[in-house]
Amino acid sequence: RSVYEALKKIVLTEGFWRPLRGINVTMLGAGPAHAMY
């Protein structure tokens, strides 16, 4: 129902690092995109 509830539920049921899944892919694309813009 809310971002807070989602974060709490994911951390408690799926682990502390679960909300950061996919961060490596995000970092790879963020640099070139911002540089171009």
Full PDB file with SEQRES, HELIX, SHEET, SSBOND, CRYST1, ORIGX, SCALE, CONECT and MASTER records, all heavy atoms in Angstrom:
SEQRES   1 A   37  ARG SER VAL TYR GLU ALA LEU LYS LYS ILE VAL LEU THR          
SEQRES   2 A   37  GLU GLY PHE TRP ARG PRO LEU ARG GLY ILE ASN VAL THR          
SEQRES   3 A   37  MET LEU GLY ALA GLY PRO ALA HIS ALA MET TYR                  
HELIX    1 AA1 VAL A    3  GLU A   14  1                                  12    
HELIX    2 AA2 ARG A   18  LEU A   20  5                                   3    
HELIX    3 AA3 ILE A   23  MET A   36  1                                  14    
CRYST1    1.000    1.000    1.000  90.00  90.00  90.00 P 1           1          
ORIGX1      1.000000  0.000000  0.000000        0.00000                         
ORIGX2      0.000000  1.000000  0.000000        0.00000                         
ORIGX3      0.000000  0.000000  1.000000        0.00000                         
SCALE1      1.000000  0.000000  0.000000        0.00000                         
SCALE2      0.000000  1.000000  0.000000        0.00000                         
SCALE3      0.000000  0.000000  1.000000        0.00000                         
ATOM      1  N   ARG A   1       0.815  -1.220   0.000  1.00  0.00           N  
ATOM      2  CA  ARG A   1       0.000   0.000   0.000  1.00  0.00           C  
ATOM      3  C   ARG A   1       0.847   1.266   0.000  1.00  0.00           C  
ATOM      4  O   ARG A   1       0.354   2.347  -0.314  1.00  0.00           O  
ATOM      5  CB  ARG A   1      -0.933   0.002   1.214  1.00  0.00           C  
ATOM      6  CG  ARG A   1      -2.053  -1.032   1.126  1.00  0.00           C  
ATOM      7  CD  ARG A   1      -2.818  -1.127   2.437  1.00  0.00           C  
ATOM      8  NE  ARG A   1      -1.969  -1.674   3.503  1.00  0.00           N  
ATOM      9  CZ  ARG A   1      -2.385  -1.901   4.744  1.00  0.00           C  
ATOM     10  NH1 ARG A   1      -3.638  -1.616   5.079  1.00  0.00           N  
ATOM     11  NH2 ARG A   1      -1.570  -2.407   5.649  1.00  0.00           N  
ATOM     12  N   SER A   2       2.109   1.142   0.380  1.00  0.00           N  
ATOM     13  CA  SER A   2       2.980   2.314   0.414  1.00  0.00           C  
ATOM     14  C   SER A   2       4.420   1.880   0.213  1.00  0.00           C  
ATOM     15  O   SER A   2       4.749   0.684   0.297  1.00  0.00           O  
ATOM     16  CB  SER A   2       2.849   3.034   1.759  1.00  0.00           C  
ATOM     17  OG  SER A   2       3.377   2.228   2.813  1.00  0.00           O  
ATOM     18  N   VAL A   3       5.278   2.851  -0.054  1.00  0.00           N  
ATOM     19  CA  VAL A   3       6.692   2.563  -0.247  1.00  0.00           C  
ATOM     20  C   VAL A   3       7.299   2.006   1.034  1.00  0.00           C  
ATOM     21  O   VAL A   3       8.091   1.048   1.000  1.00  0.00           O  
ATOM     22  CB  VAL A   3       7.452   3.842  -0.676  1.00  0.00           C  
ATOM     23  CG1 VAL A   3       8.953   3.586  -0.725  1.00  0.00           C  
ATOM     24  CG2 VAL A   3       6.953   4.329  -2.030  1.00  0.00           C  
ATOM     25  N   TYR A   4       6.927   2.576   2.158  1.00  0.00           N  
ATOM     26  CA  TYR A   4       7.450   2.120   3.447  1.00  0.00           C  
ATOM     27  C   TYR A   4       7.065   0.667   3.694  1.00  0.00           C  
ATOM     28  O   TYR A   4       7.898  -0.154   4.112  1.00  0.00           O  
ATOM     29  CB  TYR A   4       6.929   3.003   4.577  1.00  0.00           C  
ATOM     30  CG  TYR A   4       7.282   2.484   5.956  1.00  0.00           C  
ATOM     31  CD1 TYR A   4       8.586   2.605   6.451  1.00  0.00           C  
ATOM     32  CD2 TYR A   4       6.321   1.857   6.758  1.00  0.00           C  
ATOM     33  CE1 TYR A   4       8.928   2.114   7.701  1.00  0.00           C  
ATOM     34  CE2 TYR A   4       6.659   1.364   8.015  1.00  0.00           C  
ATOM     35  CZ  TYR A   4       7.958   1.496   8.477  1.00  0.00           C  
ATOM     36  OH  TYR A   4       8.289   1.002   9.716  1.00  0.00           O  
ATOM     37  N   GLU A   5       5.797   0.334   3.445  1.00  0.00           N  
ATOM     38  CA  GLU A   5       5.341  -1.046   3.657  1.00  0.00           C  
ATOM     39  C   GLU A   5       6.070  -2.003   2.724  1.00  0.00           C  
ATOM     40  O   GLU A   5       6.464  -3.105   3.123  1.00  0.00           O  
ATOM     41  CB  GLU A   5       3.832  -1.147   3.414  1.00  0.00           C  
ATOM     42  CG  GLU A   5       3.291  -2.553   3.647  1.00  0.00           C  
ATOM     43  CD  GLU A   5       1.819  -2.700   3.280  1.00  0.00           C  
ATOM     44  OE1 GLU A   5       1.163  -1.668   3.043  1.00  0.00           O  
ATOM     45  OE2 GLU A   5       1.337  -3.844   3.227  1.00  0.00           O  
ATOM     46  N   ALA A   6       6.278  -1.574   1.475  1.00  0.00           N  
ATOM     47  CA  ALA A   6       6.976  -2.416   0.504  1.00  0.00           C  
ATOM     48  C   ALA A   6       8.408  -2.685   0.946  1.00  0.00           C  
ATOM     49  O   ALA A   6       8.882  -3.829   0.931  1.00  0.00           O  
ATOM     50  CB  ALA A   6       6.965  -1.741  -0.870  1.00  0.00           C  
ATOM     51  N   LEU A   7       9.101  -1.632   1.362  1.00  0.00           N  
ATOM     52  CA  LEU A   7      10.487  -1.780   1.798  1.00  0.00           C  
ATOM     53  C   LEU A   7      10.585  -2.696   3.014  1.00  0.00           C  
ATOM     54  O   LEU A   7      11.423  -3.604   3.064  1.00  0.00           O  
ATOM     55  CB  LEU A   7      11.065  -0.403   2.124  1.00  0.00           C  
ATOM     56  CG  LEU A   7      12.520  -0.374   2.620  1.00  0.00           C  
ATOM     57  CD1 LEU A   7      13.458  -0.949   1.570  1.00  0.00           C  
ATOM     58  CD2 LEU A   7      12.931   1.050   2.984  1.00  0.00           C  
ATOM     59  N   LYS A   8       9.722  -2.465   3.988  1.00  0.00           N  
ATOM     60  CA  LYS A   8       9.730  -3.265   5.216  1.00  0.00           C  
ATOM     61  C   LYS A   8       9.448  -4.732   4.916  1.00  0.00           C  
ATOM     62  O   LYS A   8      10.150  -5.633   5.416  1.00  0.00           O  
ATOM     63  CB  LYS A   8       8.685  -2.717   6.188  1.00  0.00           C  
ATOM     64  CG  LYS A   8       8.621  -3.445   7.522  1.00  0.00           C  
ATOM     65  CD  LYS A   8       7.559  -2.834   8.424  1.00  0.00           C  
ATOM     66  CE  LYS A   8       7.439  -3.595   9.735  1.00  0.00           C  
ATOM     67  NZ  LYS A   8       6.381  -3.012  10.608  1.00  0.00           N  
ATOM     68  N   LYS A   9       8.453  -4.980   4.094  1.00  0.00           N  
ATOM     69  CA  LYS A   9       8.045  -6.344   3.786  1.00  0.00           C  
ATOM     70  C   LYS A   9       9.125  -7.091   3.003  1.00  0.00           C  
ATOM     71  O   LYS A   9       9.407  -8.268   3.267  1.00  0.00           O  
ATOM     72  CB  LYS A   9       6.737  -6.317   2.980  1.00  0.00           C  
ATOM     73  CG  LYS A   9       5.945  -7.599   3.029  1.00  0.00           C  
ATOM     74  CD  LYS A   9       4.561  -7.370   2.438  1.00  0.00           C  
ATOM     75  CE  LYS A   9       3.722  -8.642   2.521  1.00  0.00           C  
ATOM     76  NZ  LYS A   9       2.353  -8.415   1.984  1.00  0.00           N  
ATOM     77  N   ILE A  10       9.733  -6.401   2.040  1.00  0.00           N  
ATOM     78  CA  ILE A  10      10.770  -7.034   1.218  1.00  0.00           C  
ATOM     79  C   ILE A  10      11.991  -7.376   2.060  1.00  0.00           C  
ATOM     80  O   ILE A  10      12.552  -8.475   1.957  1.00  0.00           O  
ATOM     81  CB  ILE A  10      11.161  -6.115   0.043  1.00  0.00           C  
ATOM     82  CG1 ILE A  10      10.004  -6.030  -0.961  1.00  0.00           C  
ATOM     83  CG2 ILE A  10      12.408  -6.635  -0.667  1.00  0.00           C  
ATOM     84  CD1 ILE A  10      10.207  -5.009  -2.057  1.00  0.00           C  
ATOM     85  N   VAL A  11      12.406  -6.441   2.911  1.00  0.00           N  
ATOM     86  CA  VAL A  11      13.583  -6.676   3.758  1.00  0.00           C  
ATOM     87  C   VAL A  11      13.341  -7.827   4.725  1.00  0.00           C  
ATOM     88  O   VAL A  11      14.207  -8.692   4.917  1.00  0.00           O  
ATOM     89  CB  VAL A  11      13.956  -5.390   4.532  1.00  0.00           C  
ATOM     90  CG1 VAL A  11      15.000  -5.694   5.596  1.00  0.00           C  
ATOM     91  CG2 VAL A  11      14.477  -4.325   3.576  1.00  0.00           C  
ATOM     92  N   LEU A  12      12.155  -7.878   5.338  1.00  0.00           N  
ATOM     93  CA  LEU A  12      11.858  -8.903   6.329  1.00  0.00           C  
ATOM     94  C   LEU A  12      11.684 -10.288   5.716  1.00  0.00           C  
ATOM     95  O   LEU A  12      12.064 -11.296   6.317  1.00  0.00           O  
ATOM     96  CB  LEU A  12      10.592  -8.525   7.111  1.00  0.00           C  
ATOM     97  CG  LEU A  12      10.717  -7.329   8.066  1.00  0.00           C  
ATOM     98  CD1 LEU A  12       9.358  -7.008   8.685  1.00  0.00           C  
ATOM     99  CD2 LEU A  12      11.750  -7.611   9.152  1.00  0.00           C  
ATOM    100  N   THR A  13      11.103 -10.356   4.531  1.00  0.00           N  
ATOM    101  CA  THR A  13      10.801 -11.656   3.930  1.00  0.00           C  
ATOM    102  C   THR A  13      11.827 -12.139   2.912  1.00  0.00           C  
ATOM    103  O   THR A  13      11.955 -13.337   2.670  1.00  0.00           O  
ATOM    104  CB  THR A  13       9.415 -11.626   3.242  1.00  0.00           C  
ATOM    105  OG1 THR A  13       9.419 -10.609   2.223  1.00  0.00           O  
ATOM    106  CG2 THR A  13       8.320 -11.316   4.254  1.00  0.00           C  
ATOM    107  N   GLU A  14      12.562 -11.198   2.308  1.00  0.00           N  
ATOM    108  CA  GLU A  14      13.469 -11.590   1.227  1.00  0.00           C  
ATOM    109  C   GLU A  14      14.930 -11.231   1.497  1.00  0.00           C  
ATOM    110  O   GLU A  14      15.799 -11.559   0.695  1.00  0.00           O  
ATOM    111  CB  GLU A  14      13.016 -10.958  -0.094  1.00  0.00           C  
ATOM    112  CG  GLU A  14      11.603 -11.354  -0.493  1.00  0.00           C  
ATOM    113  CD  GLU A  14      11.139 -10.650  -1.748  1.00  0.00           C  
ATOM    114  OE1 GLU A  14      11.897 -10.665  -2.746  1.00  0.00           O  
ATOM    115  OE2 GLU A  14      10.032 -10.076  -1.758  1.00  0.00           O  
ATOM    116  N   GLY A  15      15.190 -10.557   2.603  1.00  0.00           N  
ATOM    117  CA  GLY A  15      16.567 -10.230   2.934  1.00  0.00           C  
ATOM    118  C   GLY A  15      16.888  -8.756   2.786  1.00  0.00           C  
ATOM    119  O   GLY A  15      16.254  -8.037   2.018  1.00  0.00           O  
ATOM    120  N   PHE A  16      17.915  -8.333   3.517  1.00  0.00           N  
ATOM    121  CA  PHE A  16      18.290  -6.920   3.581  1.00  0.00           C  
ATOM    122  C   PHE A  16      18.731  -6.363   2.229  1.00  0.00           C  
ATOM    123  O   PHE A  16      18.453  -5.210   1.890  1.00  0.00           O  
ATOM    124  CB  PHE A  16      19.418  -6.745   4.603  1.00  0.00           C  
ATOM    125  CG  PHE A  16      19.885  -5.331   4.756  1.00  0.00           C  
ATOM    126  CD1 PHE A  16      19.166  -4.423   5.528  1.00  0.00           C  
ATOM    127  CD2 PHE A  16      21.040  -4.902   4.112  1.00  0.00           C  
ATOM    128  CE1 PHE A  16      19.591  -3.112   5.658  1.00  0.00           C  
ATOM    129  CE2 PHE A  16      21.480  -3.589   4.249  1.00  0.00           C  
ATOM    130  CZ  PHE A  16      20.751  -2.697   5.018  1.00  0.00           C  
ATOM    131  N   TRP A  17      19.429  -7.183   1.424  1.00  0.00           N  
ATOM    132  CA  TRP A  17      19.994  -6.700   0.171  1.00  0.00           C  
ATOM    133  C   TRP A  17      19.048  -6.800  -1.020  1.00  0.00           C  
ATOM    134  O   TRP A  17      19.371  -6.329  -2.104  1.00  0.00           O  
ATOM    135  CB  TRP A  17      21.289  -7.468  -0.149  1.00  0.00           C  
ATOM    136  CG  TRP A  17      22.358  -7.258   0.872  1.00  0.00           C  
ATOM    137  CD1 TRP A  17      22.806  -8.166   1.790  1.00  0.00           C  
ATOM    138  CD2 TRP A  17      23.102  -6.059   1.108  1.00  0.00           C  
ATOM    139  NE1 TRP A  17      23.780  -7.620   2.579  1.00  0.00           N  
ATOM    140  CE2 TRP A  17      23.994  -6.324   2.183  1.00  0.00           C  
ATOM    141  CE3 TRP A  17      23.103  -4.789   0.523  1.00  0.00           C  
ATOM    142  CZ2 TRP A  17      24.870  -5.360   2.671  1.00  0.00           C  
ATOM    143  CZ3 TRP A  17      23.980  -3.830   0.999  1.00  0.00           C  
ATOM    144  CH2 TRP A  17      24.840  -4.118   2.061  1.00  0.00           C  
ATOM    145  N   ARG A  18      17.893  -7.395  -0.817  1.00  0.00           N  
ATOM    146  CA  ARG A  18      16.967  -7.601  -1.930  1.00  0.00           C  
ATOM    147  C   ARG A  18      16.541  -6.292  -2.618  1.00  0.00           C  
ATOM    148  O   ARG A  18      16.465  -6.252  -3.851  1.00  0.00           O  
ATOM    149  CB  ARG A  18      15.729  -8.355  -1.422  1.00  0.00           C  
ATOM    150  CG  ARG A  18      14.672  -8.609  -2.481  1.00  0.00           C  
ATOM    151  CD  ARG A  18      15.189  -9.494  -3.598  1.00  0.00           C  
ATOM    152  NE  ARG A  18      14.143  -9.762  -4.580  1.00  0.00           N  
ATOM    153  CZ  ARG A  18      14.296 -10.471  -5.678  1.00  0.00           C  
ATOM    154  NH1 ARG A  18      15.478 -11.011  -5.936  1.00  0.00           N  
ATOM    155  NH2 ARG A  18      13.310 -10.659  -6.514  1.00  0.00           N  
ATOM    156  N   PRO A  19      16.267  -5.209  -1.886  1.00  0.00           N  
ATOM    157  CA  PRO A  19      15.860  -3.969  -2.560  1.00  0.00           C  
ATOM    158  C   PRO A  19      16.933  -3.380  -3.475  1.00  0.00           C  
ATOM    159  O   PRO A  19      16.635  -2.527  -4.316  1.00  0.00           O  
ATOM    160  CB  PRO A  19      15.568  -3.010  -1.390  1.00  0.00           C  
ATOM    161  CG  PRO A  19      15.229  -3.913  -0.246  1.00  0.00           C  
ATOM    162  CD  PRO A  19      16.122  -5.090  -0.423  1.00  0.00           C  
ATOM    163  N   LEU A  20      18.199  -3.831  -3.316  1.00  0.00           N  
ATOM    164  CA  LEU A  20      19.287  -3.300  -4.136  1.00  0.00           C  
ATOM    165  C   LEU A  20      19.594  -4.190  -5.338  1.00  0.00           C  
ATOM    166  O   LEU A  20      20.568  -3.955  -6.056  1.00  0.00           O  
ATOM    167  CB  LEU A  20      20.555  -3.152  -3.288  1.00  0.00           C  
ATOM    168  CG  LEU A  20      20.475  -2.139  -2.139  1.00  0.00           C  
ATOM    169  CD1 LEU A  20      21.785  -2.111  -1.376  1.00  0.00           C  
ATOM    170  CD2 LEU A  20      20.146  -0.748  -2.662  1.00  0.00           C  
ATOM    171  N   ARG A  21      18.743  -5.163  -5.574  1.00  0.00           N  
ATOM    172  CA  ARG A  21      19.006  -6.064  -6.691  1.00  0.00           C  
ATOM    173  C   ARG A  21      18.914  -5.310  -8.014  1.00  0.00           C  
ATOM    174  O   ARG A  21      17.981  -4.561  -8.241  1.00  0.00           O  
ATOM    175  CB  ARG A  21      18.004  -7.221  -6.682  1.00  0.00           C  
ATOM    176  CG  ARG A  21      18.492  -8.386  -7.508  1.00  0.00           C  
ATOM    177  CD  ARG A  21      17.776  -9.663  -7.139  1.00  0.00           C  
ATOM    178  NE  ARG A  21      18.494 -10.820  -7.650  1.00  0.00           N  
ATOM    179  CZ  ARG A  21      17.891 -11.904  -8.095  1.00  0.00           C  
ATOM    180  NH1 ARG A  21      16.591 -11.988  -8.077  1.00  0.00           N  
ATOM    181  NH2 ARG A  21      18.592 -12.912  -8.542  1.00  0.00           N  
ATOM    182  N   GLY A  22      19.882  -5.527  -8.877  1.00  0.00           N  
ATOM    183  CA  GLY A  22      19.912  -4.850 -10.168  1.00  0.00           C  
ATOM    184  C   GLY A  22      20.691  -3.548 -10.148  1.00  0.00           C  
ATOM    185  O   GLY A  22      20.766  -2.845 -11.152  1.00  0.00           O  
ATOM    186  N   ILE A  23      21.308  -3.225  -9.013  1.00  0.00           N  
ATOM    187  CA  ILE A  23      22.033  -1.958  -8.890  1.00  0.00           C  
ATOM    188  C   ILE A  23      23.239  -1.898  -9.828  1.00  0.00           C  
ATOM    189  O   ILE A  23      23.591  -0.822 -10.340  1.00  0.00           O  
ATOM    190  CB  ILE A  23      22.481  -1.716  -7.425  1.00  0.00           C  
ATOM    191  CG1 ILE A  23      22.989  -0.282  -7.263  1.00  0.00           C  
ATOM    192  CG2 ILE A  23      23.528  -2.731  -6.989  1.00  0.00           C  
ATOM    193  CD1 ILE A  23      23.290   0.103  -5.828  1.00  0.00           C  
ATOM    194  N   ASN A  24      23.867  -3.044 -10.081  1.00  0.00           N  
ATOM    195  CA  ASN A  24      25.030  -3.059 -10.970  1.00  0.00           C  
ATOM    196  C   ASN A  24      24.655  -2.685 -12.399  1.00  0.00           C  
ATOM    197  O   ASN A  24      25.389  -1.995 -13.092  1.00  0.00           O  
ATOM    198  CB  ASN A  24      25.736  -4.417 -10.925  1.00  0.00           C  
ATOM    199  CG  ASN A  24      24.780  -5.579 -11.093  1.00  0.00           C  
ATOM    200  OD1 ASN A  24      23.557  -5.421 -11.038  1.00  0.00           O  
ATOM    201  ND2 ASN A  24      25.326  -6.769 -11.290  1.00  0.00           N  
ATOM    202  N   VAL A  25      23.472  -3.135 -12.838  1.00  0.00           N  
ATOM    203  CA  VAL A  25      23.001  -2.795 -14.179  1.00  0.00           C  
ATOM    204  C   VAL A  25      22.691  -1.300 -14.259  1.00  0.00           C  
ATOM    205  O   VAL A  25      23.001  -0.638 -15.252  1.00  0.00           O  
ATOM    206  CB  VAL A  25      21.740  -3.610 -14.540  1.00  0.00           C  
ATOM    207  CG1 VAL A  25      21.269  -3.285 -15.943  1.00  0.00           C  
ATOM    208  CG2 VAL A  25      22.022  -5.096 -14.414  1.00  0.00           C  
ATOM    209  N   THR A  26      22.087  -0.771 -13.206  1.00  0.00           N  
ATOM    210  CA  THR A  26      21.754   0.656 -13.160  1.00  0.00           C  
ATOM    211  C   THR A  26      23.008   1.515 -13.234  1.00  0.00           C  
ATOM    212  O   THR A  26      23.054   2.523 -13.952  1.00  0.00           O  
ATOM    213  CB  THR A  26      20.997   0.991 -11.859  1.00  0.00           C  
ATOM    214  OG1 THR A  26      19.818   0.186 -11.788  1.00  0.00           O  
ATOM    215  CG2 THR A  26      20.599   2.452 -11.821  1.00  0.00           C  
ATOM    216  N   MET A  27      24.038   1.121 -12.505  1.00  0.00           N  
ATOM    217  CA  MET A  27      25.283   1.894 -12.478  1.00  0.00           C  
ATOM    218  C   MET A  27      25.973   1.908 -13.828  1.00  0.00           C  
ATOM    219  O   MET A  27      26.562   2.928 -14.226  1.00  0.00           O  
ATOM    220  CB  MET A  27      26.224   1.318 -11.408  1.00  0.00           C  
ATOM    221  CG  MET A  27      25.744   1.553  -9.985  1.00  0.00           C  
ATOM    222  SD  MET A  27      26.753   0.694  -8.756  1.00  0.00           S  
ATOM    223  CE  MET A  27      28.306   1.553  -8.944  1.00  0.00           C  
ATOM    224  N   LEU A  28      25.893   0.822 -14.570  1.00  0.00           N  
ATOM    225  CA  LEU A  28      26.549   0.747 -15.866  1.00  0.00           C  
ATOM    226  C   LEU A  28      25.946   1.742 -16.862  1.00  0.00           C  
ATOM    227  O   LEU A  28      26.658   2.315 -17.687  1.00  0.00           O  
ATOM    228  CB  LEU A  28      26.437  -0.677 -16.435  1.00  0.00           C  
ATOM    229  CG  LEU A  28      27.362  -1.725 -15.820  1.00  0.00           C  
ATOM    230  CD1 LEU A  28      27.024  -3.108 -16.348  1.00  0.00           C  
ATOM    231  CD2 LEU A  28      28.818  -1.385 -16.110  1.00  0.00           C  
ATOM    232  N   GLY A  29      24.618   1.932 -16.776  1.00  0.00           N  
ATOM    233  CA  GLY A  29      23.964   2.818 -17.731  1.00  0.00           C  
ATOM    234  C   GLY A  29      23.880   4.267 -17.299  1.00  0.00           C  
ATOM    235  O   GLY A  29      23.744   5.165 -18.130  1.00  0.00           O  
ATOM    236  N   ALA A  30      23.981   4.512 -15.984  1.00  0.00           N  
ATOM    237  CA  ALA A  30      23.783   5.867 -15.463  1.00  0.00           C  
ATOM    238  C   ALA A  30      24.864   6.841 -15.908  1.00  0.00           C  
ATOM    239  O   ALA A  30      24.566   7.976 -16.294  1.00  0.00           O  
ATOM    240  CB  ALA A  30      23.713   5.828 -13.934  1.00  0.00           C  
ATOM    241  N   GLY A  31      26.124   6.430 -15.864  1.00  0.00           N  
ATOM    242  CA  GLY A  31      27.226   7.320 -16.217  1.00  0.00           C  
ATOM    243  C   GLY A  31      27.148   7.842 -17.642  1.00  0.00           C  
ATOM    244  O   GLY A  31      27.103   9.058 -17.861  1.00  0.00           O  
ATOM    245  N   PRO A  32      27.126   6.954 -18.645  1.00  0.00           N  
ATOM    246  CA  PRO A  32      27.059   7.408 -20.039  1.00  0.00           C  
ATOM    247  C   PRO A  32      25.821   8.246 -20.336  1.00  0.00           C  
ATOM    248  O   PRO A  32      25.889   9.226 -21.072  1.00  0.00           O  
ATOM    249  CB  PRO A  32      27.025   6.087 -20.825  1.00  0.00           C  
ATOM    250  CG  PRO A  32      27.677   5.104 -19.932  1.00  0.00           C  
ATOM    251  CD  PRO A  32      27.270   5.496 -18.546  1.00  0.00           C  
ATOM    252  N   ALA A  33      24.687   7.869 -19.759  1.00  0.00           N  
ATOM    253  CA  ALA A  33      23.441   8.599 -20.033  1.00  0.00           C  
ATOM    254  C   ALA A  33      23.519  10.037 -19.518  1.00  0.00           C  
ATOM    255  O   ALA A  33      23.183  10.995 -20.229  1.00  0.00           O  
ATOM    256  CB  ALA A  33      22.266   7.872 -19.386  1.00  0.00           C  
ATOM    257  N   HIS A  34      23.973  10.201 -18.271  1.00  0.00           N  
ATOM    258  CA  HIS A  34      24.064  11.548 -17.702  1.00  0.00           C  
ATOM    259  C   HIS A  34      25.122  12.383 -18.417  1.00  0.00           C  
ATOM    260  O   HIS A  34      24.934  13.589 -18.633  1.00  0.00           O  
ATOM    261  CB  HIS A  34      24.384  11.476 -16.204  1.00  0.00           C  
ATOM    262  CG  HIS A  34      23.201  11.155 -15.358  1.00  0.00           C  
ATOM    263  ND1 HIS A  34      22.754   9.869 -15.167  1.00  0.00           N  
ATOM    264  CD2 HIS A  34      22.329  11.953 -14.666  1.00  0.00           C  
ATOM    265  CE1 HIS A  34      21.690   9.879 -14.389  1.00  0.00           C  
ATOM    266  NE2 HIS A  34      21.408  11.134 -14.076  1.00  0.00           N  
ATOM    267  N   ALA A  35      26.220  11.765 -18.788  1.00  0.00           N  
ATOM    268  CA  ALA A  35      27.269  12.493 -19.501  1.00  0.00           C  
ATOM    269  C   ALA A  35      26.741  13.041 -20.821  1.00  0.00           C  
ATOM    270  O   ALA A  35      26.995  14.195 -21.186  1.00  0.00           O  
ATOM    271  CB  ALA A  35      28.466  11.571 -19.749  1.00  0.00           C  
ATOM    272  N   MET A  36      25.987  12.221 -21.553  1.00  0.00           N  
ATOM    273  CA  MET A  36      25.444  12.657 -22.833  1.00  0.00           C  
ATOM    274  C   MET A  36      24.447  13.794 -22.664  1.00  0.00           C  
ATOM    275  O   MET A  36      24.501  14.807 -23.360  1.00  0.00           O  
ATOM    276  CB  MET A  36      24.762  11.483 -23.539  1.00  0.00           C  
ATOM    277  CG  MET A  36      24.251  11.840 -24.931  1.00  0.00           C  
ATOM    278  SD  MET A  36      22.902  10.781 -25.470  1.00  0.00           S  
ATOM    279  CE  MET A  36      21.588  11.287 -24.389  1.00  0.00           C  
ATOM    280  N   TYR A  37      23.517  13.628 -21.718  1.00  0.00           N  
ATOM    281  CA  TYR A  37      22.475  14.638 -21.528  1.00  0.00           C  
ATOM    282  C   TYR A  37      23.065  15.995 -21.161  1.00  0.00           C  
ATOM    283  O   TYR A  37      22.725  17.024 -21.744  1.00  0.00           O  
ATOM    284  CB  TYR A  37      21.494  14.196 -20.441  1.00  0.00           C  
ATOM    285  CG  TYR A  37      20.459  13.225 -20.931  1.00  0.00           C  
ATOM    286  CD1 TYR A  37      20.267  11.997 -20.290  1.00  0.00           C  
ATOM    287  CD2 TYR A  37      19.667  13.512 -22.034  1.00  0.00           C  
ATOM    288  CE1 TYR A  37      19.329  11.097 -20.742  1.00  0.00           C  
ATOM    289  CE2 TYR A  37      18.723  12.614 -22.494  1.00  0.00           C  
ATOM    290  CZ  TYR A  37      18.551  11.404 -21.836  1.00  0.00           C  
ATOM    291  OH  TYR A  37      17.620  10.519 -22.286  1.00  0.00           O  
TER     292      TYR A  37                                                      
MASTER        0    0    0    3    0    0    0    6  291    1    0    3          
END                                                                             
